[in-house]
Structures are given as C-alpha cells and as structure tokens.
Amino acid sequence: GQSYQAIKDNLRRDLAINYLSGSTRSIEEIAISLGFADSSAFHRAFKK
C-alpha cells in the first residue's frame, strides 16, 4: 500500500511535524532543512 514518493513525503512530513513541535527553528529554516526551495513550497506541501 505504499509508493516510493509516498515514503519520502511521509518521512518529510514526520520530520516537519517534529521540527514544528519540538524546536524553535523558524518555518523558513525548517523548509530549507527539509529540502524545499522556499517557505511557500513547504507551506503548500505541509497543507497537503
């Protein structure tokens, strides 16, 4: 019930949730650390 893209997306999602919950990093810093080009791309992905 998986796909390679879903595995990568879910891992980035889990890392994002833990960064947002357990660190004081800015959203822009988290976006960059997760490989997004900018915070707006991270915003769209996280919303999805």
ModelCIF file with pLDDT and N, C-alpha, C, O atoms, coordinates in Angstrom:
data_MODEL
#
_entry.id   MODEL 
#
_entity.id                         1 
_entity.type                       polymer 
_entity.pdbx_number_of_molecules   1 
#
_entity_poly.entity_id                      1 
_entity_poly.type                           'polypeptide(L)' 
_entity_poly.nstd_linkage                   no 
_entity_poly.nstd_monomer                   no 
_entity_poly.pdbx_seq_one_letter_code       GQSYQAIKDNLRRDLAINYLSGSTRSIEEIAISLGFADSSAFHRAFKK 
_entity_poly.pdbx_seq_one_letter_code_can   GQSYQAIKDNLRRDLAINYLSGSTRSIEEIAISLGFADSSAFHRAFKK 
_entity_poly.pdbx_strand_id                 A 
#
loop_
_entity_poly_seq.entity_id 
_entity_poly_seq.num 
_entity_poly_seq.mon_id 
_entity_poly_seq.hetero 
1 1  GLY n 
1 2  GLN n 
1 3  SER n 
1 4  TYR n 
1 5  GLN n 
1 6  ALA n 
1 7  ILE n 
1 8  LYS n 
1 9  ASP n 
1 10 ASN n 
1 11 LEU n 
1 12 ARG n 
1 13 ARG n 
1 14 ASP n 
1 15 LEU n 
1 16 ALA n 
1 17 ILE n 
1 18 ASN n 
1 19 TYR n 
1 20 LEU n 
1 21 SER n 
1 22 GLY n 
1 23 SER n 
1 24 THR n 
1 25 ARG n 
1 26 SER n 
1 27 ILE n 
1 28 GLU n 
1 29 GLU n 
1 30 ILE n 
1 31 ALA n 
1 32 ILE n 
1 33 SER n 
1 34 LEU n 
1 35 GLY n 
1 36 PHE n 
1 37 ALA n 
1 38 ASP n 
1 39 SER n 
1 40 SER n 
1 41 ALA n 
1 42 PHE n 
1 43 HIS n 
1 44 ARG n 
1 45 ALA n 
1 46 PHE n 
1 47 LYS n 
1 48 LYS n 
#
_struct_asym.id          A 
_struct_asym.entity_id   1 
#
loop_
_ma_qa_metric.id 
_ma_qa_metric.mode 
_ma_qa_metric.name 
_ma_qa_metric.software_group_id 
_ma_qa_metric.type 
1 global pLDDT . pLDDT 
2 local  pLDDT . pLDDT 
#
_ma_qa_metric_global.metric_id      1 
_ma_qa_metric_global.metric_value   84.85 
_ma_qa_metric_global.model_id       1 
_ma_qa_metric_global.ordinal_id     1 
#
loop_
_ma_qa_metric_local.label_asym_id 
_ma_qa_metric_local.label_comp_id 
_ma_qa_metric_local.label_seq_id 
_ma_qa_metric_local.metric_id 
_ma_qa_metric_local.metric_value 
_ma_qa_metric_local.model_id 
_ma_qa_metric_local.ordinal_id 
A GLY 1  2 69.00 1 1  
A GLN 2  2 78.00 1 2  
A SER 3  2 87.00 1 3  
A TYR 4  2 89.00 1 4  
A GLN 5  2 88.00 1 5  
A ALA 6  2 84.00 1 6  
A ILE 7  2 85.00 1 7  
A LYS 8  2 87.00 1 8  
A ASP 9  2 86.00 1 9  
A ASN 10 2 83.00 1 10 
A LEU 11 2 85.00 1 11 
A ARG 12 2 87.00 1 12 
A ARG 13 2 85.00 1 13 
A ASP 14 2 84.00 1 14 
A LEU 15 2 86.00 1 15 
A ALA 16 2 87.00 1 16 
A ILE 17 2 85.00 1 17 
A ASN 18 2 82.00 1 18 
A TYR 19 2 85.00 1 19 
A LEU 20 2 85.00 1 20 
A SER 21 2 77.00 1 21 
A GLY 22 2 68.00 1 22 
A SER 23 2 72.00 1 23 
A THR 24 2 80.00 1 24 
A ARG 25 2 85.00 1 25 
A SER 26 2 89.00 1 26 
A ILE 27 2 89.00 1 27 
A GLU 28 2 90.00 1 28 
A GLU 29 2 89.00 1 29 
A ILE 30 2 90.00 1 30 
A ALA 31 2 89.00 1 31 
A ILE 32 2 88.00 1 32 
A SER 33 2 86.00 1 33 
A LEU 34 2 87.00 1 34 
A GLY 35 2 85.00 1 35 
A PHE 36 2 87.00 1 36 
A ALA 37 2 82.00 1 37 
A ASP 38 2 83.00 1 38 
A SER 39 2 86.00 1 39 
A SER 40 2 89.00 1 40 
A ALA 41 2 89.00 1 41 
A PHE 42 2 90.00 1 42 
A HIS 43 2 88.00 1 43 
A ARG 44 2 89.00 1 44 
A ALA 45 2 88.00 1 45 
A PHE 46 2 86.00 1 46 
A LYS 47 2 84.00 1 47 
A LYS 48 2 81.00 1 48 
#
loop_
_atom_site.group_PDB 
_atom_site.id 
_atom_site.type_symbol 
_atom_site.label_atom_id 
_atom_site.label_alt_id 
_atom_site.label_comp_id 
_atom_site.label_asym_id 
_atom_site.label_entity_id 
_atom_site.label_seq_id 
_atom_site.pdbx_PDB_ins_code 
_atom_site.Cartn_x 
_atom_site.Cartn_y 
_atom_site.Cartn_z 
_atom_site.occupancy 
_atom_site.B_iso_or_equiv 
_atom_site.pdbx_formal_charge 
_atom_site.auth_seq_id 
_atom_site.auth_comp_id 
_atom_site.auth_asym_id 
_atom_site.auth_atom_id 
_atom_site.pdbx_PDB_model_num 
ATOM 1   N N  . GLY A 1 1  ? 0.806  -1.217 0.000  1.00 69.00 ? 1  GLY A N  1 
ATOM 2   C CA . GLY A 1 1  ? 0.000  0.000  0.000  1.00 69.00 ? 1  GLY A CA 1 
ATOM 3   C C  . GLY A 1 1  ? 0.838  1.266  0.000  1.00 69.00 ? 1  GLY A C  1 
ATOM 4   O O  . GLY A 1 1  ? 0.390  2.313  0.466  1.00 69.00 ? 1  GLY A O  1 
ATOM 5   N N  . GLN A 1 2  ? 2.056  1.170  -0.524 1.00 78.00 ? 2  GLN A N  1 
ATOM 6   C CA . GLN A 1 2  ? 2.988  2.277  -0.479 1.00 78.00 ? 2  GLN A CA 1 
ATOM 7   C C  . GLN A 1 2  ? 3.503  2.608  -1.872 1.00 78.00 ? 2  GLN A C  1 
ATOM 8   O O  . GLN A 1 2  ? 3.325  1.838  -2.816 1.00 78.00 ? 2  GLN A O  1 
ATOM 9   N N  . SER A 1 3  ? 4.135  3.749  -1.982 1.00 87.00 ? 3  SER A N  1 
ATOM 10  C CA . SER A 1 3  ? 4.890  4.119  -3.179 1.00 87.00 ? 3  SER A CA 1 
ATOM 11  C C  . SER A 1 3  ? 6.155  4.815  -2.694 1.00 87.00 ? 3  SER A C  1 
ATOM 12  O O  . SER A 1 3  ? 6.216  5.293  -1.561 1.00 87.00 ? 3  SER A O  1 
ATOM 13  N N  . TYR A 1 4  ? 7.157  4.867  -3.557 1.00 89.00 ? 4  TYR A N  1 
ATOM 14  C CA . TYR A 1 4  ? 8.423  5.494  -3.147 1.00 89.00 ? 4  TYR A CA 1 
ATOM 15  C C  . TYR A 1 4  ? 8.219  6.974  -2.837 1.00 89.00 ? 4  TYR A C  1 
ATOM 16  O O  . TYR A 1 4  ? 8.786  7.498  -1.877 1.00 89.00 ? 4  TYR A O  1 
ATOM 17  N N  . GLN A 1 5  ? 7.414  7.640  -3.648 1.00 88.00 ? 5  GLN A N  1 
ATOM 18  C CA . GLN A 1 5  ? 7.171  9.058  -3.412 1.00 88.00 ? 5  GLN A CA 1 
ATOM 19  C C  . GLN A 1 5  ? 6.431  9.256  -2.095 1.00 88.00 ? 5  GLN A C  1 
ATOM 20  O O  . GLN A 1 5  ? 6.725  10.195 -1.356 1.00 88.00 ? 5  GLN A O  1 
ATOM 21  N N  . ALA A 1 6  ? 5.473  8.381  -1.795 1.00 84.00 ? 6  ALA A N  1 
ATOM 22  C CA . ALA A 1 6  ? 4.730  8.497  -0.538 1.00 84.00 ? 6  ALA A CA 1 
ATOM 23  C C  . ALA A 1 6  ? 5.645  8.294  0.665  1.00 84.00 ? 6  ALA A C  1 
ATOM 24  O O  . ALA A 1 6  ? 5.497  8.975  1.679  1.00 84.00 ? 6  ALA A O  1 
ATOM 25  N N  . ILE A 1 7  ? 6.592  7.358  0.557  1.00 85.00 ? 7  ILE A N  1 
ATOM 26  C CA . ILE A 1 7  ? 7.537  7.124  1.660  1.00 85.00 ? 7  ILE A CA 1 
ATOM 27  C C  . ILE A 1 7  ? 8.353  8.380  1.920  1.00 85.00 ? 7  ILE A C  1 
ATOM 28  O O  . ILE A 1 7  ? 8.528  8.785  3.069  1.00 85.00 ? 7  ILE A O  1 
ATOM 29  N N  . LYS A 1 8  ? 8.857  9.003  0.842  1.00 87.00 ? 8  LYS A N  1 
ATOM 30  C CA . LYS A 1 8  ? 9.645  10.219 1.008  1.00 87.00 ? 8  LYS A CA 1 
ATOM 31  C C  . LYS A 1 8  ? 8.786  11.353 1.569  1.00 87.00 ? 8  LYS A C  1 
ATOM 32  O O  . LYS A 1 8  ? 9.217  12.080 2.464  1.00 87.00 ? 8  LYS A O  1 
ATOM 33  N N  . ASP A 1 9  ? 7.576  11.500 1.041  1.00 86.00 ? 9  ASP A N  1 
ATOM 34  C CA . ASP A 1 9  ? 6.687  12.553 1.530  1.00 86.00 ? 9  ASP A CA 1 
ATOM 35  C C  . ASP A 1 9  ? 6.337  12.347 2.997  1.00 86.00 ? 9  ASP A C  1 
ATOM 36  O O  . ASP A 1 9  ? 6.331  13.300 3.776  1.00 86.00 ? 9  ASP A O  1 
ATOM 37  N N  . ASN A 1 10 ? 6.042  11.097 3.377  1.00 83.00 ? 10 ASN A N  1 
ATOM 38  C CA . ASN A 1 10 ? 5.659  10.821 4.762  1.00 83.00 ? 10 ASN A CA 1 
ATOM 39  C C  . ASN A 1 10 ? 6.823  11.037 5.723  1.00 83.00 ? 10 ASN A C  1 
ATOM 40  O O  . ASN A 1 10 ? 6.624  11.482 6.853  1.00 83.00 ? 10 ASN A O  1 
ATOM 41  N N  . LEU A 1 11 ? 8.038  10.722 5.278  1.00 85.00 ? 11 LEU A N  1 
ATOM 42  C CA . LEU A 1 11 ? 9.204  10.956 6.122  1.00 85.00 ? 11 LEU A CA 1 
ATOM 43  C C  . LEU A 1 11 ? 9.423  12.452 6.308  1.00 85.00 ? 11 LEU A C  1 
ATOM 44  O O  . LEU A 1 11 ? 9.688  12.909 7.419  1.00 85.00 ? 11 LEU A O  1 
ATOM 45  N N  . ARG A 1 12 ? 9.313  13.208 5.234  1.00 87.00 ? 12 ARG A N  1 
ATOM 46  C CA . ARG A 1 12 ? 9.467  14.653 5.354  1.00 87.00 ? 12 ARG A CA 1 
ATOM 47  C C  . ARG A 1 12 ? 8.346  15.242 6.212  1.00 87.00 ? 12 ARG A C  1 
ATOM 48  O O  . ARG A 1 12 ? 8.575  16.166 6.992  1.00 87.00 ? 12 ARG A O  1 
ATOM 49  N N  . ARG A 1 13 ? 7.137  14.704 6.064  1.00 85.00 ? 13 ARG A N  1 
ATOM 50  C CA . ARG A 1 13 ? 6.010  15.156 6.900  1.00 85.00 ? 13 ARG A CA 1 
ATOM 51  C C  . ARG A 1 13 ? 6.304  14.917 8.385  1.00 85.00 ? 13 ARG A C  1 
ATOM 52  O O  . ARG A 1 13 ? 6.101  15.806 9.212  1.00 85.00 ? 13 ARG A O  1 
ATOM 53  N N  . ASP A 1 14 ? 6.782  13.711 8.720  1.00 84.00 ? 14 ASP A N  1 
ATOM 54  C CA . ASP A 1 14 ? 7.059  13.388 10.117 1.00 84.00 ? 14 ASP A CA 1 
ATOM 55  C C  . ASP A 1 14 ? 8.176  14.268 10.678 1.00 84.00 ? 14 ASP A C  1 
ATOM 56  O O  . ASP A 1 14 ? 8.102  14.733 11.816 1.00 84.00 ? 14 ASP A O  1 
ATOM 57  N N  . LEU A 1 15 ? 9.209  14.488 9.867  1.00 86.00 ? 15 LEU A N  1 
ATOM 58  C CA . LEU A 1 15 ? 10.291 15.368 10.305 1.00 86.00 ? 15 LEU A CA 1 
ATOM 59  C C  . LEU A 1 15 ? 9.773  16.787 10.514 1.00 86.00 ? 15 LEU A C  1 
ATOM 60  O O  . LEU A 1 15 ? 10.146 17.449 11.482 1.00 86.00 ? 15 LEU A O  1 
ATOM 61  N N  . ALA A 1 16 ? 8.919  17.251 9.616  1.00 87.00 ? 16 ALA A N  1 
ATOM 62  C CA . ALA A 1 16 ? 8.368  18.603 9.729  1.00 87.00 ? 16 ALA A CA 1 
ATOM 63  C C  . ALA A 1 16 ? 7.537  18.752 11.000 1.00 87.00 ? 16 ALA A C  1 
ATOM 64  O O  . ALA A 1 16 ? 7.672  19.738 11.726 1.00 87.00 ? 16 ALA A O  1 
ATOM 65  N N  . ILE A 1 17 ? 6.675  17.769 11.265 1.00 85.00 ? 17 ILE A N  1 
ATOM 66  C CA . ILE A 1 17 ? 5.827  17.836 12.461 1.00 85.00 ? 17 ILE A CA 1 
ATOM 67  C C  . ILE A 1 17 ? 6.674  17.875 13.722 1.00 85.00 ? 17 ILE A C  1 
ATOM 68  O O  . ILE A 1 17 ? 6.382  18.633 14.646 1.00 85.00 ? 17 ILE A O  1 
ATOM 69  N N  . ASN A 1 18 ? 7.719  17.063 13.763 1.00 82.00 ? 18 ASN A N  1 
ATOM 70  C CA . ASN A 1 18 ? 8.579  17.047 14.943 1.00 82.00 ? 18 ASN A CA 1 
ATOM 71  C C  . ASN A 1 18 ? 9.405  18.318 15.066 1.00 82.00 ? 18 ASN A C  1 
ATOM 72  O O  . ASN A 1 18 ? 9.640  18.790 16.178 1.00 82.00 ? 18 ASN A O  1 
ATOM 73  N N  . TYR A 1 19 ? 9.852  18.884 13.942 1.00 85.00 ? 19 TYR A N  1 
ATOM 74  C CA . TYR A 1 19 ? 10.583 20.147 14.000 1.00 85.00 ? 19 TYR A CA 1 
ATOM 75  C C  . TYR A 1 19 ? 9.670  21.267 14.498 1.00 85.00 ? 19 TYR A C  1 
ATOM 76  O O  . TYR A 1 19 ? 10.079 22.083 15.323 1.00 85.00 ? 19 TYR A O  1 
ATOM 77  N N  . LEU A 1 20 ? 8.435  21.303 13.997 1.00 85.00 ? 20 LEU A N  1 
ATOM 78  C CA . LEU A 1 20 ? 7.493  22.343 14.402 1.00 85.00 ? 20 LEU A CA 1 
ATOM 79  C C  . LEU A 1 20 ? 7.093  22.187 15.863 1.00 85.00 ? 20 LEU A C  1 
ATOM 80  O O  . LEU A 1 20 ? 6.829  23.172 16.553 1.00 85.00 ? 20 LEU A O  1 
ATOM 81  N N  . SER A 1 21 ? 7.050  20.935 16.328 1.00 77.00 ? 21 SER A N  1 
ATOM 82  C CA . SER A 1 21 ? 6.598  20.668 17.688 1.00 77.00 ? 21 SER A CA 1 
ATOM 83  C C  . SER A 1 21 ? 7.714  20.761 18.712 1.00 77.00 ? 21 SER A C  1 
ATOM 84  O O  . SER A 1 21 ? 7.474  21.129 19.862 1.00 77.00 ? 21 SER A O  1 
ATOM 85  N N  . GLY A 1 22 ? 8.940  20.428 18.302 1.00 68.00 ? 22 GLY A N  1 
ATOM 86  C CA . GLY A 1 22 ? 9.996  20.281 19.294 1.00 68.00 ? 22 GLY A CA 1 
ATOM 87  C C  . GLY A 1 22 ? 11.200 21.167 19.107 1.00 68.00 ? 22 GLY A C  1 
ATOM 88  O O  . GLY A 1 22 ? 12.248 20.902 19.695 1.00 68.00 ? 22 GLY A O  1 
ATOM 89  N N  . SER A 1 23 ? 11.087 22.228 18.295 1.00 72.00 ? 23 SER A N  1 
ATOM 90  C CA . SER A 1 23 ? 12.233 23.126 18.122 1.00 72.00 ? 23 SER A CA 1 
ATOM 91  C C  . SER A 1 23 ? 11.749 24.553 17.954 1.00 72.00 ? 23 SER A C  1 
ATOM 92  O O  . SER A 1 23 ? 10.568 24.804 17.716 1.00 72.00 ? 23 SER A O  1 
ATOM 93  N N  . THR A 1 24 ? 12.678 25.477 18.081 1.00 80.00 ? 24 THR A N  1 
ATOM 94  C CA . THR A 1 24 ? 12.339 26.894 17.909 1.00 80.00 ? 24 THR A CA 1 
ATOM 95  C C  . THR A 1 24 ? 12.784 27.401 16.538 1.00 80.00 ? 24 THR A C  1 
ATOM 96  O O  . THR A 1 24 ? 12.791 28.606 16.290 1.00 80.00 ? 24 THR A O  1 
ATOM 97  N N  . ARG A 1 25 ? 13.154 26.482 15.653 1.00 85.00 ? 25 ARG A N  1 
ATOM 98  C CA . ARG A 1 25 ? 13.555 26.907 14.308 1.00 85.00 ? 25 ARG A CA 1 
ATOM 99  C C  . ARG A 1 25 ? 12.421 27.661 13.627 1.00 85.00 ? 25 ARG A C  1 
ATOM 100 O O  . ARG A 1 25 ? 11.242 27.371 13.835 1.00 85.00 ? 25 ARG A O  1 
ATOM 101 N N  . SER A 1 26 ? 12.801 28.623 12.819 1.00 89.00 ? 26 SER A N  1 
ATOM 102 C CA . SER A 1 26 ? 11.791 29.334 12.039 1.00 89.00 ? 26 SER A CA 1 
ATOM 103 C C  . SER A 1 26 ? 11.247 28.413 10.954 1.00 89.00 ? 26 SER A C  1 
ATOM 104 O O  . SER A 1 26 ? 11.878 27.418 10.597 1.00 89.00 ? 26 SER A O  1 
ATOM 105 N N  . ILE A 1 27 ? 10.083 28.752 10.438 1.00 89.00 ? 27 ILE A N  1 
ATOM 106 C CA . ILE A 1 27 ? 9.479  27.940 9.382  1.00 89.00 ? 27 ILE A CA 1 
ATOM 107 C C  . ILE A 1 27 ? 10.370 27.934 8.147  1.00 89.00 ? 27 ILE A C  1 
ATOM 108 O O  . ILE A 1 27 ? 10.473 26.920 7.457  1.00 89.00 ? 27 ILE A O  1 
ATOM 109 N N  . GLU A 1 28 ? 11.007 29.052 7.871  1.00 90.00 ? 28 GLU A N  1 
ATOM 110 C CA . GLU A 1 28 ? 11.906 29.122 6.713  1.00 90.00 ? 28 GLU A CA 1 
ATOM 111 C C  . GLU A 1 28 ? 13.097 28.192 6.907  1.00 90.00 ? 28 GLU A C  1 
ATOM 112 O O  . GLU A 1 28 ? 13.513 27.513 5.968  1.00 90.00 ? 28 GLU A O  1 
ATOM 113 N N  . GLU A 1 29 ? 13.650 28.156 8.120  1.00 89.00 ? 29 GLU A N  1 
ATOM 114 C CA . GLU A 1 29 ? 14.779 27.272 8.400  1.00 89.00 ? 29 GLU A CA 1 
ATOM 115 C C  . GLU A 1 29 ? 14.371 25.807 8.252  1.00 89.00 ? 29 GLU A C  1 
ATOM 116 O O  . GLU A 1 29 ? 15.117 24.996 7.704  1.00 89.00 ? 29 GLU A O  1 
ATOM 117 N N  . ILE A 1 30 ? 13.180 25.481 8.748  1.00 90.00 ? 30 ILE A N  1 
ATOM 118 C CA . ILE A 1 30 ? 12.686 24.106 8.620  1.00 90.00 ? 30 ILE A CA 1 
ATOM 119 C C  . ILE A 1 30 ? 12.488 23.752 7.157  1.00 90.00 ? 30 ILE A C  1 
ATOM 120 O O  . ILE A 1 30 ? 12.845 22.655 6.728  1.00 90.00 ? 30 ILE A O  1 
ATOM 121 N N  . ALA A 1 31 ? 11.923 24.673 6.390  1.00 89.00 ? 31 ALA A N  1 
ATOM 122 C CA . ALA A 1 31 ? 11.698 24.431 4.962  1.00 89.00 ? 31 ALA A CA 1 
ATOM 123 C C  . ALA A 1 31 ? 13.009 24.110 4.254  1.00 89.00 ? 31 ALA A C  1 
ATOM 124 O O  . ALA A 1 31 ? 13.083 23.167 3.467  1.00 89.00 ? 31 ALA A O  1 
ATOM 125 N N  . ILE A 1 32 ? 14.034 24.893 4.537  1.00 88.00 ? 32 ILE A N  1 
ATOM 126 C CA . ILE A 1 32 ? 15.339 24.681 3.895  1.00 88.00 ? 32 ILE A CA 1 
ATOM 127 C C  . ILE A 1 32 ? 15.936 23.340 4.323  1.00 88.00 ? 32 ILE A C  1 
ATOM 128 O O  . ILE A 1 32 ? 16.478 22.604 3.499  1.00 88.00 ? 32 ILE A O  1 
ATOM 129 N N  . SER A 1 33 ? 15.831 23.025 5.634  1.00 86.00 ? 33 SER A N  1 
ATOM 130 C CA . SER A 1 33 ? 16.407 21.770 6.124  1.00 86.00 ? 33 SER A CA 1 
ATOM 131 C C  . SER A 1 33 ? 15.711 20.564 5.535  1.00 86.00 ? 33 SER A C  1 
ATOM 132 O O  . SER A 1 33 ? 16.297 19.483 5.467  1.00 86.00 ? 33 SER A O  1 
ATOM 133 N N  . LEU A 1 34 ? 14.461 20.731 5.106  1.00 87.00 ? 34 LEU A N  1 
ATOM 134 C CA . LEU A 1 34 ? 13.707 19.628 4.514  1.00 87.00 ? 34 LEU A CA 1 
ATOM 135 C C  . LEU A 1 34 ? 13.818 19.601 2.996  1.00 87.00 ? 34 LEU A C  1 
ATOM 136 O O  . LEU A 1 34 ? 13.151 18.806 2.333  1.00 87.00 ? 34 LEU A O  1 
ATOM 137 N N  . GLY A 1 35 ? 14.650 20.457 2.454  1.00 85.00 ? 35 GLY A N  1 
ATOM 138 C CA . GLY A 1 35 ? 14.923 20.414 1.020  1.00 85.00 ? 35 GLY A CA 1 
ATOM 139 C C  . GLY A 1 35 ? 13.981 21.201 0.142  1.00 85.00 ? 35 GLY A C  1 
ATOM 140 O O  . GLY A 1 35 ? 13.974 21.015 -1.075 1.00 85.00 ? 35 GLY A O  1 
ATOM 141 N N  . PHE A 1 36 ? 13.170 22.094 0.742  1.00 87.00 ? 36 PHE A N  1 
ATOM 142 C CA . PHE A 1 36 ? 12.267 22.907 -0.071 1.00 87.00 ? 36 PHE A CA 1 
ATOM 143 C C  . PHE A 1 36 ? 12.988 24.154 -0.556 1.00 87.00 ? 36 PHE A C  1 
ATOM 144 O O  . PHE A 1 36 ? 13.867 24.686 0.122  1.00 87.00 ? 36 PHE A O  1 
ATOM 145 N N  . ALA A 1 37 ? 12.604 24.607 -1.735 1.00 82.00 ? 37 ALA A N  1 
ATOM 146 C CA . ALA A 1 37 ? 13.256 25.779 -2.318 1.00 82.00 ? 37 ALA A CA 1 
ATOM 147 C C  . ALA A 1 37 ? 12.965 27.035 -1.512 1.00 82.00 ? 37 ALA A C  1 
ATOM 148 O O  . ALA A 1 37 ? 13.821 27.911 -1.390 1.00 82.00 ? 37 ALA A O  1 
ATOM 149 N N  . ASP A 1 38 ? 11.766 27.124 -0.964 1.00 83.00 ? 38 ASP A N  1 
ATOM 150 C CA . ASP A 1 38 ? 11.394 28.282 -0.149 1.00 83.00 ? 38 ASP A CA 1 
ATOM 151 C C  . ASP A 1 38 ? 10.251 27.893 0.785  1.00 83.00 ? 38 ASP A C  1 
ATOM 152 O O  . ASP A 1 38 ? 9.714  26.789 0.692  1.00 83.00 ? 38 ASP A O  1 
ATOM 153 N N  . SER A 1 39 ? 9.885  28.796 1.675  1.00 86.00 ? 39 SER A N  1 
ATOM 154 C CA . SER A 1 39 ? 8.861  28.503 2.677  1.00 86.00 ? 39 SER A CA 1 
ATOM 155 C C  . SER A 1 39 ? 7.481  28.327 2.049  1.00 86.00 ? 39 SER A C  1 
ATOM 156 O O  . SER A 1 39 ? 6.648  27.602 2.592  1.00 86.00 ? 39 SER A O  1 
ATOM 157 N N  . SER A 1 40 ? 7.226  28.979 0.916  1.00 89.00 ? 40 SER A N  1 
ATOM 158 C CA . SER A 1 40 ? 5.908  28.847 0.283  1.00 89.00 ? 40 SER A CA 1 
ATOM 159 C C  . SER A 1 40 ? 5.705  27.424 -0.251 1.00 89.00 ? 40 SER A C  1 
ATOM 160 O O  . SER A 1 40 ? 4.600  26.887 -0.168 1.00 89.00 ? 40 SER A O  1 
ATOM 161 N N  . ALA A 1 41 ? 6.756  26.813 -0.794 1.00 89.00 ? 41 ALA A N  1 
ATOM 162 C CA . ALA A 1 41 ? 6.658  25.427 -1.265 1.00 89.00 ? 41 ALA A CA 1 
ATOM 163 C C  . ALA A 1 41 ? 6.430  24.483 -0.088 1.00 89.00 ? 41 ALA A C  1 
ATOM 164 O O  . ALA A 1 41 ? 5.655  23.531 -0.181 1.00 89.00 ? 41 ALA A O  1 
ATOM 165 N N  . PHE A 1 42 ? 7.111  24.760 1.012  1.00 90.00 ? 42 PHE A N  1 
ATOM 166 C CA . PHE A 1 42 ? 6.910  23.967 2.222  1.00 90.00 ? 42 PHE A CA 1 
ATOM 167 C C  . PHE A 1 42 ? 5.475  24.139 2.732  1.00 90.00 ? 42 PHE A C  1 
ATOM 168 O O  . PHE A 1 42 ? 4.836  23.171 3.144  1.00 90.00 ? 42 PHE A O  1 
ATOM 169 N N  . HIS A 1 43 ? 4.981  25.370 2.700  1.00 88.00 ? 43 HIS A N  1 
ATOM 170 C CA . HIS A 1 43 ? 3.615  25.667 3.124  1.00 88.00 ? 43 HIS A CA 1 
ATOM 171 C C  . HIS A 1 43 ? 2.616  24.829 2.340  1.00 88.00 ? 43 HIS A C  1 
ATOM 172 O O  . HIS A 1 43 ? 1.716  24.227 2.925  1.00 88.00 ? 43 HIS A O  1 
ATOM 173 N N  . ARG A 1 44 ? 2.769  24.786 1.017  1.00 89.00 ? 44 ARG A N  1 
ATOM 174 C CA . ARG A 1 44 ? 1.823  24.033 0.171  1.00 89.00 ? 44 ARG A CA 1 
ATOM 175 C C  . ARG A 1 44 ? 1.900  22.536 0.470  1.00 89.00 ? 44 ARG A C  1 
ATOM 176 O O  . ARG A 1 44 ? 0.874  21.864 0.569  1.00 89.00 ? 44 ARG A O  1 
ATOM 177 N N  . ALA A 1 45 ? 3.115  22.022 0.613  1.00 88.00 ? 45 ALA A N  1 
ATOM 178 C CA . ALA A 1 45 ? 3.277  20.588 0.873  1.00 88.00 ? 45 ALA A CA 1 
ATOM 179 C C  . ALA A 1 45 ? 2.698  20.212 2.225  1.00 88.00 ? 45 ALA A C  1 
ATOM 180 O O  . ALA A 1 45 ? 2.003  19.202 2.337  1.00 88.00 ? 45 ALA A O  1 
ATOM 181 N N  . PHE A 1 46 ? 2.973  21.008 3.261  1.00 86.00 ? 46 PHE A N  1 
ATOM 182 C CA . PHE A 1 46 ? 2.501  20.692 4.610  1.00 86.00 ? 46 PHE A CA 1 
ATOM 183 C C  . PHE A 1 46 ? 0.980  20.745 4.671  1.00 86.00 ? 46 PHE A C  1 
ATOM 184 O O  . PHE A 1 46 ? 0.345  19.932 5.343  1.00 86.00 ? 46 PHE A O  1 
ATOM 185 N N  . LYS A 1 47 ? 0.404  21.715 3.960  1.00 84.00 ? 47 LYS A N  1 
ATOM 186 C CA . LYS A 1 47 ? -1.060 21.831 3.904  1.00 84.00 ? 47 LYS A CA 1 
ATOM 187 C C  . LYS A 1 47 ? -1.663 20.586 3.254  1.00 84.00 ? 47 LYS A C  1 
ATOM 188 O O  . LYS A 1 47 ? -2.708 20.098 3.685  1.00 84.00 ? 47 LYS A O  1 
ATOM 189 N N  . LYS A 1 48 ? -1.009 20.084 2.230  1.00 81.00 ? 48 LYS A N  1 
ATOM 190 C CA . LYS A 1 48 ? -1.473 18.873 1.554  1.00 81.00 ? 48 LYS A CA 1 
ATOM 191 C C  . LYS A 1 48 ? -1.355 17.662 2.472  1.00 81.00 ? 48 LYS A C  1 
ATOM 192 O O  . LYS A 1 48 ? -1.700 16.549 2.074  1.00 81.00 ? 48 LYS A O  1 
#
